Amino acid sequence: MTIAERIRAKLESALSPAHLAVIDDSHRHAGHIGARPGGESHFRIEIVAAAFTGQSRVARQRQIYALLAEEFAESVHALQITAKTPAEVFPREYST
């Protein structure tokens, strides 16, 4: 299983996202510190999950980093996170 697949599986299992994109951006960081020749060192995550409701941006990121601690210990060097609630993405559907 690739690192991207592991990231996806962990986030899907823990957060049940309405939307999840795990993008390997390692090729954009070739030659930089932390870049590995085989890639899978730099990722971008776009996630929309109701589990983030009531959480600050920092709390959301901390939750994701905690879920992916093993991947950071092994090979992930950098992670760019966009984490939103469904109400932030689709405000009309969630307005009261």
N, C-alpha and C. Protein backbone atom coordinates (compact mmCIF):
# COMPACT_ATOMS: atom_id res chain seq x y z
N MET A 1 0.86 -1.18 0.00
CA MET A 1 0.00 0.00 0.00
C MET A 1 0.90 1.25 0.00
N THR A 2 0.60 2.18 -0.88
CA THR A 2 1.40 3.41 -0.95
C THR A 2 1.09 4.32 0.25
N ILE A 3 1.95 5.30 0.46
CA ILE A 3 1.72 6.27 1.54
C ILE A 3 0.41 7.01 1.28
N ALA A 4 0.16 7.41 0.05
CA ALA A 4 -1.08 8.12 -0.28
C ALA A 4 -2.30 7.25 0.05
N GLU A 5 -2.24 5.97 -0.24
CA GLU A 5 -3.35 5.07 0.07
C GLU A 5 -3.54 4.93 1.58
N ARG A 6 -2.44 4.88 2.31
CA ARG A 6 -2.53 4.80 3.77
C ARG A 6 -3.15 6.07 4.35
N ILE A 7 -2.72 7.22 3.83
CA ILE A 7 -3.29 8.49 4.29
C ILE A 7 -4.79 8.50 4.03
N ARG A 8 -5.18 8.15 2.83
CA ARG A 8 -6.60 8.12 2.46
C ARG A 8 -7.38 7.19 3.39
N ALA A 9 -6.88 5.99 3.60
CA ALA A 9 -7.59 5.01 4.42
C ALA A 9 -7.76 5.50 5.86
N LYS A 10 -6.72 6.08 6.43
CA LYS A 10 -6.81 6.56 7.81
C LYS A 10 -7.79 7.72 7.94
N LEU A 11 -7.74 8.67 7.01
CA LEU A 11 -8.63 9.82 7.10
C LEU A 11 -10.08 9.40 6.84
N GLU A 12 -10.30 8.51 5.90
CA GLU A 12 -11.67 8.03 5.63
C GLU A 12 -12.23 7.29 6.84
N SER A 13 -11.42 6.46 7.45
CA SER A 13 -11.87 5.67 8.60
C SER A 13 -12.20 6.55 9.81
N ALA A 14 -11.35 7.51 10.08
CA ALA A 14 -11.51 8.33 11.29
C ALA A 14 -12.50 9.48 11.13
N LEU A 15 -12.61 10.05 9.91
CA LEU A 15 -13.37 11.29 9.74
C LEU A 15 -14.59 11.16 8.83
N SER A 16 -14.74 10.08 8.13
CA SER A 16 -15.87 9.88 7.20
C SER A 16 -16.13 11.13 6.35
N PRO A 17 -15.14 11.56 5.59
CA PRO A 17 -15.30 12.81 4.85
C PRO A 17 -16.31 12.74 3.71
N ALA A 18 -16.95 13.88 3.46
CA ALA A 18 -17.84 14.02 2.30
C ALA A 18 -17.00 14.16 1.03
N HIS A 19 -15.79 14.69 1.19
CA HIS A 19 -14.85 14.85 0.08
C HIS A 19 -13.45 14.68 0.63
N LEU A 20 -12.60 13.98 -0.11
CA LEU A 20 -11.21 13.81 0.27
C LEU A 20 -10.36 13.69 -0.97
N ALA A 21 -9.36 14.54 -1.07
CA ALA A 21 -8.36 14.44 -2.14
C ALA A 21 -6.99 14.39 -1.48
N VAL A 22 -6.21 13.38 -1.84
CA VAL A 22 -4.85 13.23 -1.36
C VAL A 22 -3.95 13.33 -2.58
N ILE A 23 -3.21 14.43 -2.66
CA ILE A 23 -2.40 14.71 -3.85
C ILE A 23 -0.93 14.64 -3.48
N ASP A 24 -0.18 13.80 -4.22
CA ASP A 24 1.26 13.69 -4.01
C ASP A 24 1.94 14.80 -4.81
N ASP A 25 2.45 15.79 -4.09
CA ASP A 25 3.14 16.92 -4.72
C ASP A 25 4.66 16.78 -4.67
N SER A 26 5.15 15.60 -4.40
CA SER A 26 6.58 15.39 -4.23
C SER A 26 7.39 15.85 -5.44
N HIS A 27 6.86 15.64 -6.63
CA HIS A 27 7.59 16.03 -7.84
C HIS A 27 7.88 17.54 -7.87
N ARG A 28 7.06 18.33 -7.19
CA ARG A 28 7.26 19.78 -7.16
C ARG A 28 8.37 20.18 -6.19
N HIS A 29 8.85 19.23 -5.39
CA HIS A 29 9.85 19.52 -4.37
C HIS A 29 11.15 18.76 -4.60
N ALA A 30 11.33 18.21 -5.78
CA ALA A 30 12.55 17.47 -6.10
C ALA A 30 13.77 18.35 -5.85
N GLY A 31 14.73 17.80 -5.13
CA GLY A 31 15.95 18.55 -4.82
C GLY A 31 15.86 19.37 -3.55
N HIS A 32 14.69 19.49 -2.96
CA HIS A 32 14.52 20.24 -1.72
C HIS A 32 14.80 19.34 -0.52
N ILE A 33 14.98 19.95 0.61
CA ILE A 33 15.18 19.20 1.84
C ILE A 33 13.94 18.35 2.10
N GLY A 34 14.16 17.11 2.46
CA GLY A 34 13.06 16.21 2.78
C GLY A 34 12.50 15.46 1.59
N ALA A 35 12.87 15.86 0.39
CA ALA A 35 12.36 15.17 -0.81
C ALA A 35 13.08 13.84 -0.95
N ARG A 36 12.31 12.81 -1.29
CA ARG A 36 12.87 11.48 -1.50
C ARG A 36 12.88 11.18 -2.98
N PRO A 37 13.87 10.43 -3.45
CA PRO A 37 13.93 10.10 -4.88
C PRO A 37 12.67 9.40 -5.39
N GLY A 38 12.04 8.57 -4.58
CA GLY A 38 10.86 7.84 -5.01
C GLY A 38 9.56 8.59 -4.82
N GLY A 39 9.64 9.83 -4.32
CA GLY A 39 8.43 10.60 -4.08
C GLY A 39 7.77 10.23 -2.78
N GLU A 40 6.49 10.52 -2.68
CA GLU A 40 5.68 10.26 -1.49
C GLU A 40 6.28 10.88 -0.23
N SER A 41 6.73 12.12 -0.36
CA SER A 41 7.26 12.84 0.80
C SER A 41 6.51 14.15 1.06
N HIS A 42 5.87 14.70 0.05
CA HIS A 42 5.14 15.96 0.15
C HIS A 42 3.72 15.75 -0.38
N PHE A 43 2.73 16.06 0.48
CA PHE A 43 1.35 15.83 0.10
C PHE A 43 0.50 17.07 0.33
N ARG A 44 -0.58 17.12 -0.42
CA ARG A 44 -1.62 18.14 -0.23
C ARG A 44 -2.92 17.39 0.01
N ILE A 45 -3.63 17.80 1.07
CA ILE A 45 -4.90 17.17 1.42
C ILE A 45 -6.00 18.21 1.38
N GLU A 46 -7.07 17.86 0.68
CA GLU A 46 -8.30 18.66 0.68
C GLU A 46 -9.37 17.76 1.27
N ILE A 47 -9.94 18.17 2.40
CA ILE A 47 -10.90 17.32 3.08
C ILE A 47 -12.08 18.15 3.58
N VAL A 48 -13.27 17.59 3.38
CA VAL A 48 -14.51 18.19 3.88
C VAL A 48 -15.17 17.14 4.75
N ALA A 49 -15.32 17.46 6.04
CA ALA A 49 -15.89 16.50 6.97
C ALA A 49 -16.70 17.18 8.06
N ALA A 50 -17.85 16.61 8.36
CA ALA A 50 -18.69 17.13 9.44
C ALA A 50 -17.97 17.03 10.78
N ALA A 51 -17.01 16.13 10.89
CA ALA A 51 -16.26 15.95 12.13
C ALA A 51 -15.51 17.22 12.54
N PHE A 52 -15.30 18.14 11.61
CA PHE A 52 -14.59 19.38 11.92
C PHE A 52 -15.49 20.48 12.47
N THR A 53 -16.77 20.24 12.52
CA THR A 53 -17.72 21.25 13.00
C THR A 53 -17.36 21.68 14.42
N GLY A 54 -17.26 22.99 14.61
CA GLY A 54 -16.93 23.56 15.91
C GLY A 54 -15.45 23.60 16.22
N GLN A 55 -14.61 23.09 15.33
CA GLN A 55 -13.16 23.10 15.55
C GLN A 55 -12.51 24.27 14.83
N SER A 56 -11.47 24.81 15.42
CA SER A 56 -10.67 25.84 14.76
C SER A 56 -9.83 25.21 13.66
N ARG A 57 -9.27 26.04 12.81
CA ARG A 57 -8.38 25.55 11.75
C ARG A 57 -7.21 24.78 12.35
N VAL A 58 -6.65 25.31 13.43
CA VAL A 58 -5.51 24.66 14.07
C VAL A 58 -5.91 23.30 14.66
N ALA A 59 -7.07 23.22 15.29
CA ALA A 59 -7.54 21.95 15.86
C ALA A 59 -7.74 20.91 14.76
N ARG A 60 -8.25 21.33 13.64
CA ARG A 60 -8.45 20.41 12.51
C ARG A 60 -7.12 19.86 12.03
N GLN A 61 -6.14 20.75 11.89
CA GLN A 61 -4.82 20.32 11.43
C GLN A 61 -4.16 19.40 12.44
N ARG A 62 -4.29 19.73 13.72
CA ARG A 62 -3.71 18.86 14.76
C ARG A 62 -4.33 17.48 14.73
N GLN A 63 -5.62 17.41 14.50
CA GLN A 63 -6.29 16.12 14.43
C GLN A 63 -5.74 15.30 13.27
N ILE A 64 -5.56 15.93 12.12
CA ILE A 64 -5.04 15.23 10.95
C ILE A 64 -3.60 14.80 11.19
N TYR A 65 -2.77 15.68 11.74
CA TYR A 65 -1.38 15.31 12.03
C TYR A 65 -1.32 14.13 13.01
N ALA A 66 -2.19 14.12 14.01
CA ALA A 66 -2.21 13.02 14.97
C ALA A 66 -2.58 11.71 14.28
N LEU A 67 -3.55 11.75 13.38
CA LEU A 67 -3.96 10.55 12.65
C LEU A 67 -2.85 10.02 11.76
N LEU A 68 -1.99 10.91 11.28
CA LEU A 68 -0.94 10.53 10.33
C LEU A 68 0.45 10.51 10.96
N ALA A 69 0.53 10.40 12.27
CA ALA A 69 1.82 10.43 12.98
C ALA A 69 2.78 9.36 12.47
N GLU A 70 2.25 8.18 12.20
CA GLU A 70 3.10 7.08 11.72
C GLU A 70 3.71 7.41 10.36
N GLU A 71 2.93 8.02 9.49
CA GLU A 71 3.43 8.37 8.15
C GLU A 71 4.52 9.45 8.24
N PHE A 72 4.35 10.39 9.17
CA PHE A 72 5.38 11.41 9.35
C PHE A 72 6.65 10.80 9.92
N ALA A 73 6.53 9.84 10.80
CA ALA A 73 7.70 9.19 11.39
C ALA A 73 8.47 8.39 10.34
N GLU A 74 7.76 7.88 9.33
CA GLU A 74 8.39 7.04 8.32
C GLU A 74 8.91 7.81 7.12
N SER A 75 8.06 8.65 6.50
CA SER A 75 8.49 9.18 5.21
C SER A 75 7.90 10.53 4.81
N VAL A 76 6.78 10.92 5.37
CA VAL A 76 6.17 12.18 4.95
C VAL A 76 6.94 13.34 5.56
N HIS A 77 7.33 14.26 4.71
CA HIS A 77 8.10 15.43 5.14
C HIS A 77 7.21 16.67 5.30
N ALA A 78 6.25 16.84 4.40
CA ALA A 78 5.43 18.04 4.41
C ALA A 78 3.99 17.71 4.01
N LEU A 79 3.07 18.47 4.62
CA LEU A 79 1.66 18.25 4.36
C LEU A 79 0.96 19.60 4.32
N GLN A 80 0.30 19.88 3.22
CA GLN A 80 -0.51 21.09 3.09
C GLN A 80 -1.96 20.66 3.26
N ILE A 81 -2.66 21.31 4.19
CA ILE A 81 -4.01 20.87 4.54
C ILE A 81 -5.04 21.96 4.30
N THR A 82 -6.10 21.61 3.60
CA THR A 82 -7.31 22.42 3.52
C THR A 82 -8.41 21.56 4.12
N ALA A 83 -8.90 21.95 5.31
CA ALA A 83 -9.89 21.16 6.02
C ALA A 83 -11.10 22.04 6.32
N LYS A 84 -12.26 21.63 5.79
CA LYS A 84 -13.48 22.42 5.95
C LYS A 84 -14.64 21.53 6.37
N THR A 85 -15.67 22.17 6.86
CA THR A 85 -16.92 21.47 7.16
C THR A 85 -17.82 21.56 5.93
N PRO A 86 -18.81 20.68 5.82
CA PRO A 86 -19.75 20.79 4.70
C PRO A 86 -20.44 22.16 4.66
N ALA A 87 -20.73 22.73 5.82
CA ALA A 87 -21.40 24.04 5.88
C ALA A 87 -20.51 25.15 5.32
N GLU A 88 -19.20 24.99 5.43
CA GLU A 88 -18.28 26.00 4.89
C GLU A 88 -18.17 25.89 3.37
N VAL A 89 -18.38 24.70 2.86
CA VAL A 89 -18.29 24.49 1.41
C VAL A 89 -19.62 24.72 0.73
N PHE A 90 -20.72 24.33 1.39
CA PHE A 90 -22.05 24.45 0.84
C PHE A 90 -22.94 25.23 1.80
N PRO A 91 -22.69 26.52 2.00
CA PRO A 91 -23.42 27.28 3.04
C PRO A 91 -24.94 27.33 2.82
N ARG A 92 -25.39 27.36 1.60
CA ARG A 92 -26.84 27.43 1.35
C ARG A 92 -27.57 26.19 1.86
N GLU A 93 -26.95 25.04 1.68
CA GLU A 93 -27.57 23.78 2.11
C GLU A 93 -27.61 23.65 3.63
N TYR A 94 -26.72 24.37 4.32
CA TYR A 94 -26.61 24.22 5.76
C TYR A 94 -27.06 25.47 6.52
N SER A 95 -27.62 26.45 5.85
CA SER A 95 -28.08 27.66 6.55
C SER A 95 -29.40 27.35 7.26
N THR A 96 -29.62 28.08 8.34
CA THR A 96 -30.85 27.85 9.11
C THR A 96 -31.80 29.00 8.95
